[in-house]
Amino acid sequence: MGAGVTRVVVVGATGQLGSGVVRAFRETGGYAVVGLSHGEVECTDPASVLETLVPLRPRVVVNCAGFVRVDACEEDPKRAFEVNALGALHVARACREAGARCVHVSTDYVFDGAKAEPYLEEDLPNPLNVYGASKLAGEHLVVQTCPDALVVRVASLFGGLGSRGKGTNFVLTVLERARRGEALRVVDDVRMSPTYAEDAAAAIVELVAAGASGVFHVVNKGACSWYELAVRVLELAGLRVPVHPVPQEAYPARARRPRNSALSTAKLEARGLRLPPWEDAVQRYLAALSGRA
């Protein structure tokens, strides 16, 4: 490896965000990137993590791995905590052993949604579901193990061809159903921060380059309801199907969701990092999808 080149290992590199992080580091230059899939490292096995990561001699490890299906986490809390909490701990311990900086990806679901405004990094977490609780536990374990860790909270991701764990994302689901001519019923009383995985990945690279540590909310600017997001997707795609706003209760789910999980980007912006508005992000994502067609 040449002088001045930083070796980065991305865990969960085939996922929606992880694949974007790999691309962003490679496109930036100055980084030698190793992407590890679930098949190449088992985060729930501490020996597997140590034996895989440490010999790679990384300077930075970005952990994008996770059990992200919210209702499935509720049904299998043991696995949720094994992956999202203990898995995060195992990666952090490998970082400490290797002398690498630890970058850990977390979620907006650490909050309960009781706040009317977008959440700040210093707001007190209070997760409503197992997924959020397991991710919050992961945050704590990472910071306890690597006090200079960078914890990045993302939200409502869309990008690529969907989430590896979920098989799709909200934008793709809206497009698929609309193209089948289905009328859509979309929740309008839950607010969040839609985030383009490519934008989040680029911001992670910039935070790493700046030597940032602590918790950062990395989402596209602004917030909306799922209904508003669906309407904008259809407008930009030129698809005309009925879209009906419905309350969250119209879709009974095993896991409770926060009514408001919008995240403030003020801390990120104070460092000179400004992610584009979510509307712009959706437009660019649709253009990228068209380019793949």
Protein backbone atom coordinates (compact mmCIF):
# COMPACT_ATOMS: atom_id res chain seq x y z
CA MET A 1 0.00 0.00 0.00
CA GLY A 2 1.42 3.36 -1.05
CA ALA A 3 2.42 6.16 1.27
CA GLY A 4 -0.47 8.34 2.30
CA VAL A 5 -3.07 5.68 1.52
CA THR A 6 -5.47 4.84 4.34
CA ARG A 7 -6.82 1.30 4.56
CA VAL A 8 -10.56 1.22 5.25
CA VAL A 9 -12.63 -1.88 5.97
CA VAL A 10 -16.39 -1.70 5.48
CA VAL A 11 -18.41 -4.35 7.31
CA GLY A 12 -21.80 -5.00 5.72
CA ALA A 13 -20.45 -3.86 2.36
CA THR A 14 -23.20 -5.39 0.22
CA GLY A 15 -26.04 -3.53 1.90
CA GLN A 16 -27.80 -0.39 0.76
CA LEU A 17 -25.53 1.94 2.75
CA GLY A 18 -22.43 -0.24 2.92
CA SER A 19 -22.11 -0.53 -0.85
CA GLY A 20 -22.41 3.26 -1.09
CA VAL A 21 -19.71 3.73 1.56
CA VAL A 22 -17.33 1.45 -0.37
CA ARG A 23 -17.94 3.45 -3.57
CA ALA A 24 -17.59 6.80 -1.81
CA PHE A 25 -14.19 5.94 -0.31
CA ARG A 26 -12.91 4.54 -3.62
CA GLU A 27 -14.09 7.57 -5.59
CA THR A 28 -12.56 9.98 -3.08
CA GLY A 29 -9.04 8.61 -3.55
CA GLY A 30 -6.36 8.11 -0.95
CA TYR A 31 -8.10 5.06 0.49
CA ALA A 32 -7.57 1.33 -0.01
CA VAL A 33 -10.99 -0.15 0.65
CA VAL A 34 -11.86 -3.70 1.65
CA GLY A 35 -15.57 -4.48 1.66
CA LEU A 36 -16.74 -7.45 3.72
CA SER A 37 -20.10 -9.13 3.21
CA HIS A 38 -22.04 -11.11 5.80
CA GLY A 39 -20.58 -14.28 4.31
CA GLU A 40 -17.03 -13.00 4.85
CA VAL A 41 -17.37 -11.94 8.48
CA GLU A 42 -19.94 -13.07 11.04
CA CYS A 43 -20.41 -10.15 13.42
CA THR A 44 -22.07 -12.30 16.07
CA ASP A 45 -18.93 -14.46 16.32
CA PRO A 46 -16.18 -12.54 18.15
CA ALA A 47 -13.46 -14.90 16.91
CA SER A 48 -14.59 -14.47 13.30
CA VAL A 49 -14.51 -10.69 13.65
CA LEU A 50 -11.04 -10.59 15.21
CA GLU A 51 -9.55 -13.15 12.84
CA THR A 52 -10.97 -11.35 9.80
CA LEU A 53 -10.46 -7.69 10.66
CA VAL A 54 -7.16 -7.50 12.56
CA PRO A 55 -4.95 -9.12 9.86
CA LEU A 56 -6.26 -6.56 7.34
CA ARG A 57 -4.52 -3.84 9.41
CA PRO A 58 -7.24 -1.23 8.88
CA ARG A 59 -6.89 2.37 9.98
CA VAL A 60 -10.66 2.84 9.79
CA VAL A 61 -13.51 0.33 10.12
CA VAL A 62 -17.04 1.35 9.12
CA ASN A 63 -19.68 -1.00 10.52
CA CYS A 64 -22.78 -0.89 8.32
CA ALA A 65 -23.95 -4.38 9.32
CA GLY A 66 -27.21 -4.81 11.16
CA PHE A 67 -30.48 -6.66 11.61
CA VAL A 68 -32.71 -3.90 10.24
CA ARG A 69 -36.16 -5.44 9.79
CA VAL A 70 -38.01 -3.67 12.55
CA ASP A 71 -40.90 -6.12 13.03
CA ALA A 72 -38.58 -9.12 12.71
CA CYS A 73 -36.48 -7.67 15.53
CA GLU A 74 -39.61 -7.56 17.68
CA GLU A 75 -40.24 -11.23 16.94
CA ASP A 76 -36.63 -12.25 17.57
CA PRO A 77 -35.14 -9.90 20.17
CA LYS A 78 -32.31 -12.34 20.92
CA ARG A 79 -31.01 -12.11 17.37
CA ALA A 80 -31.59 -8.34 17.29
CA PHE A 81 -29.33 -7.81 20.29
CA GLU A 82 -26.79 -10.40 19.09
CA VAL A 83 -26.36 -8.56 15.79
CA ASN A 84 -27.05 -4.91 16.60
CA ALA A 85 -25.52 -4.74 20.09
CA LEU A 86 -23.04 -7.60 20.58
CA GLY A 87 -22.05 -7.58 16.92
CA ALA A 88 -21.24 -3.89 17.24
CA LEU A 89 -19.20 -4.65 20.36
CA HIS A 90 -17.20 -7.35 18.59
CA VAL A 91 -16.35 -4.98 15.73
CA ALA A 92 -15.37 -2.25 18.20
CA ARG A 93 -13.09 -4.65 20.08
CA ALA A 94 -11.43 -5.64 16.80
CA CYS A 95 -10.92 -1.93 16.06
CA ARG A 96 -9.26 -1.48 19.45
CA GLU A 97 -7.05 -4.51 18.85
CA ALA A 98 -6.05 -3.25 15.39
CA GLY A 99 -5.61 0.36 16.47
CA ALA A 100 -8.31 1.40 13.99
CA ARG A 101 -10.89 4.15 14.20
CA CYS A 102 -14.40 2.76 14.64
CA VAL A 103 -17.32 4.19 12.68
CA HIS A 104 -20.66 2.77 13.74
CA VAL A 105 -23.96 3.24 11.89
CA SER A 106 -27.09 3.66 14.02
CA THR A 107 -30.67 4.81 13.54
CA ASP A 108 -33.31 7.46 14.17
CA TYR A 109 -35.35 4.78 15.95
CA VAL A 110 -33.38 5.35 19.14
CA PHE A 111 -35.94 8.15 19.78
CA ASP A 112 -39.57 7.80 20.90
CA GLY A 113 -41.09 10.50 18.68
CA ALA A 114 -42.56 12.54 21.54
CA LYS A 115 -40.65 15.65 20.47
CA ALA A 116 -42.35 17.95 17.95
CA GLU A 117 -39.11 19.24 16.41
CA PRO A 118 -36.29 17.31 14.72
CA TYR A 119 -34.10 15.47 17.20
CA LEU A 120 -30.65 16.75 18.13
CA GLU A 121 -27.71 14.47 18.90
CA GLU A 122 -27.87 15.44 22.57
CA ASP A 123 -31.58 14.64 22.95
CA LEU A 124 -32.24 11.73 25.28
CA PRO A 125 -32.91 8.46 23.42
CA ASN A 126 -35.93 6.41 24.42
CA PRO A 127 -36.57 3.65 21.86
CA LEU A 128 -40.08 2.28 21.43
CA ASN A 129 -39.11 -1.04 19.88
CA VAL A 130 -36.53 -3.82 20.06
CA TYR A 131 -34.75 -2.62 16.93
CA GLY A 132 -34.17 0.84 18.39
CA ALA A 133 -33.20 -0.58 21.79
CA SER A 134 -30.68 -2.98 20.24
CA LYS A 135 -29.13 -0.23 18.12
CA LEU A 136 -28.90 2.09 21.11
CA ALA A 137 -27.20 -0.66 23.10
CA GLY A 138 -24.77 -1.02 20.21
CA GLU A 139 -24.00 2.71 20.36
CA HIS A 140 -23.22 2.51 24.07
CA LEU A 141 -21.03 -0.59 23.73
CA VAL A 142 -19.08 0.93 20.84
CA VAL A 143 -18.37 4.19 22.67
CA GLN A 144 -17.41 2.35 25.86
CA THR A 145 -14.94 0.25 23.88
CA CYS A 146 -13.67 2.99 21.54
CA PRO A 147 -14.19 6.38 23.22
CA ASP A 148 -13.15 8.22 20.04
CA ALA A 149 -15.65 6.30 17.87
CA LEU A 150 -17.80 8.06 15.29
CA VAL A 151 -21.49 7.12 15.62
CA VAL A 152 -23.58 8.02 12.57
CA ARG A 153 -27.36 7.96 12.85
CA VAL A 154 -29.15 7.57 9.53
CA ALA A 155 -32.86 7.30 8.74
CA SER A 156 -35.35 6.07 6.14
CA LEU A 157 -32.66 5.07 3.66
CA PHE A 158 -33.20 4.63 -0.06
CA GLY A 159 -30.55 3.84 -2.65
CA GLY A 160 -29.20 1.20 -4.98
CA LEU A 161 -31.64 -1.62 -5.60
CA GLY A 162 -32.83 -1.68 -2.01
CA SER A 163 -31.76 -2.88 1.40
CA ARG A 164 -30.09 -6.29 1.54
CA GLY A 165 -31.87 -6.99 4.82
CA LYS A 166 -35.29 -5.79 3.67
CA GLY A 167 -35.04 -6.67 0.00
CA THR A 168 -36.28 -3.25 -1.13
CA ASN A 169 -36.83 0.31 0.09
CA PHE A 170 -39.84 2.61 0.32
CA VAL A 171 -39.15 4.45 -2.94
CA LEU A 172 -38.81 1.21 -4.91
CA THR A 173 -41.96 -0.18 -3.32
CA VAL A 174 -43.96 2.92 -4.32
CA LEU A 175 -42.66 2.71 -7.89
CA GLU A 176 -43.36 -1.01 -8.22
CA ARG A 177 -46.93 -0.75 -6.97
CA ALA A 178 -47.68 2.34 -9.02
CA ARG A 179 -46.41 0.68 -12.19
CA ARG A 180 -48.78 -2.19 -11.50
CA GLY A 181 -51.58 0.39 -11.38
CA GLU A 182 -52.29 -0.14 -7.69
CA ALA A 183 -53.89 2.60 -5.61
CA LEU A 184 -51.64 3.46 -2.68
CA ARG A 185 -52.57 3.92 0.98
CA VAL A 186 -49.70 5.64 2.72
CA VAL A 187 -49.21 6.73 6.33
CA ASP A 188 -49.43 10.50 6.73
CA ASP A 189 -49.06 10.96 10.51
CA VAL A 190 -45.46 9.77 10.89
CA ARG A 191 -42.61 12.18 10.10
CA MET A 192 -39.04 11.21 9.31
CA SER A 193 -35.94 12.31 7.39
CA PRO A 194 -35.70 10.48 4.04
CA THR A 195 -32.04 9.84 3.25
CA TYR A 196 -30.29 8.91 0.02
CA ALA A 197 -27.69 6.29 0.85
CA GLU A 198 -25.21 7.86 -1.59
CA ASP A 199 -25.43 11.21 0.22
CA ALA A 200 -25.04 9.59 3.64
CA ALA A 201 -22.04 7.61 2.39
CA ALA A 202 -20.34 10.74 1.05
CA ALA A 203 -20.88 12.50 4.38
CA ILE A 204 -19.39 9.54 6.27
CA VAL A 205 -16.25 9.78 4.13
CA GLU A 206 -16.00 13.52 4.87
CA LEU A 207 -16.45 12.97 8.61
CA VAL A 208 -13.76 10.29 8.59
CA ALA A 209 -11.40 12.57 6.64
CA ALA A 210 -12.02 15.34 9.18
CA GLY A 211 -11.22 13.02 12.10
CA ALA A 212 -14.70 13.50 13.60
CA SER A 213 -15.81 11.56 16.65
CA GLY A 214 -18.98 11.45 18.72
CA VAL A 215 -22.56 11.20 17.47
CA PHE A 216 -23.70 12.81 14.21
CA HIS A 217 -27.09 12.79 12.50
CA VAL A 218 -26.44 12.16 8.80
CA VAL A 219 -29.66 12.61 6.84
CA ASN A 220 -30.87 14.70 3.93
CA LYS A 221 -32.13 18.16 4.79
CA GLY A 222 -35.76 18.45 5.82
CA ALA A 223 -38.48 16.06 6.93
CA CYS A 224 -41.80 14.78 5.65
CA SER A 225 -44.44 12.11 6.13
CA TRP A 226 -44.37 8.83 4.25
CA TYR A 227 -47.41 10.10 2.34
CA GLU A 228 -45.57 13.26 1.26
CA LEU A 229 -42.60 11.17 0.17
CA ALA A 230 -44.81 8.87 -1.90
CA VAL A 231 -46.53 11.82 -3.59
CA ARG A 232 -43.18 13.37 -4.52
CA VAL A 233 -41.83 10.06 -5.86
CA LEU A 234 -44.88 9.64 -8.11
CA GLU A 235 -44.73 13.25 -9.32
CA LEU A 236 -41.06 12.97 -10.24
CA ALA A 237 -41.58 9.57 -11.90
CA GLY A 238 -44.56 10.85 -13.89
CA LEU A 239 -46.84 8.13 -12.52
CA ARG A 240 -50.50 8.82 -11.89
CA VAL A 241 -52.21 6.52 -9.43
CA PRO A 242 -54.48 7.36 -6.50
CA VAL A 243 -52.61 7.99 -3.24
CA HIS A 244 -54.69 7.98 -0.07
CA PRO A 245 -53.35 9.30 3.25
CA VAL A 246 -54.05 6.96 6.17
CA PRO A 247 -53.13 6.95 9.88
CA GLN A 248 -50.36 4.72 11.20
CA GLU A 249 -53.02 2.49 12.78
CA ALA A 250 -54.17 1.46 9.30
CA TYR A 251 -51.14 -0.83 9.20
CA PRO A 252 -51.02 -2.78 12.47
CA ALA A 253 -47.45 -3.85 13.15
CA ARG A 254 -45.71 -5.85 15.83
CA ALA A 255 -43.24 -3.04 16.55
CA ARG A 256 -44.26 0.47 17.59
CA ARG A 257 -42.83 3.29 15.48
CA PRO A 258 -42.11 6.85 16.65
CA ARG A 259 -44.55 9.47 15.33
CA ASN A 260 -41.65 11.82 14.70
CA SER A 261 -38.12 10.59 14.11
CA ALA A 262 -36.92 13.55 12.04
CA LEU A 263 -33.27 14.30 12.74
CA SER A 264 -31.64 17.72 12.91
CA THR A 265 -28.49 18.22 10.83
CA ALA A 266 -27.40 21.40 12.64
CA LYS A 267 -24.31 19.71 14.14
CA LEU A 268 -23.28 18.37 10.74
CA GLU A 269 -23.79 21.76 9.12
CA ALA A 270 -21.69 23.42 11.83
CA ARG A 271 -18.78 21.39 10.43
CA GLY A 272 -19.50 22.66 6.94
CA LEU A 273 -21.28 19.50 5.76
CA ARG A 274 -24.65 20.14 4.15
CA LEU A 275 -26.60 17.27 2.68
CA PRO A 276 -29.04 18.32 -0.07
CA PRO A 277 -32.80 18.50 0.64
CA TRP A 278 -34.60 15.17 0.54
CA GLU A 279 -36.62 16.30 -2.50
CA ASP A 280 -33.41 16.77 -4.48
CA ALA A 281 -32.11 13.43 -3.22
CA VAL A 282 -35.22 11.60 -4.46
CA GLN A 283 -34.89 13.24 -7.87
CA ARG A 284 -31.26 12.13 -8.20
CA TYR A 285 -32.10 8.61 -7.05
CA LEU A 286 -34.83 8.28 -9.67
CA ALA A 287 -32.41 9.55 -12.31
CA ALA A 288 -29.87 6.94 -11.19
CA LEU A 289 -32.51 4.21 -11.40
CA SER A 290 -33.44 5.34 -14.92
CA GLY A 291 -29.79 5.11 -15.91
CA ARG A 292 -29.72 1.47 -14.80
CA ALA A 293 -32.84 0.54 -16.76
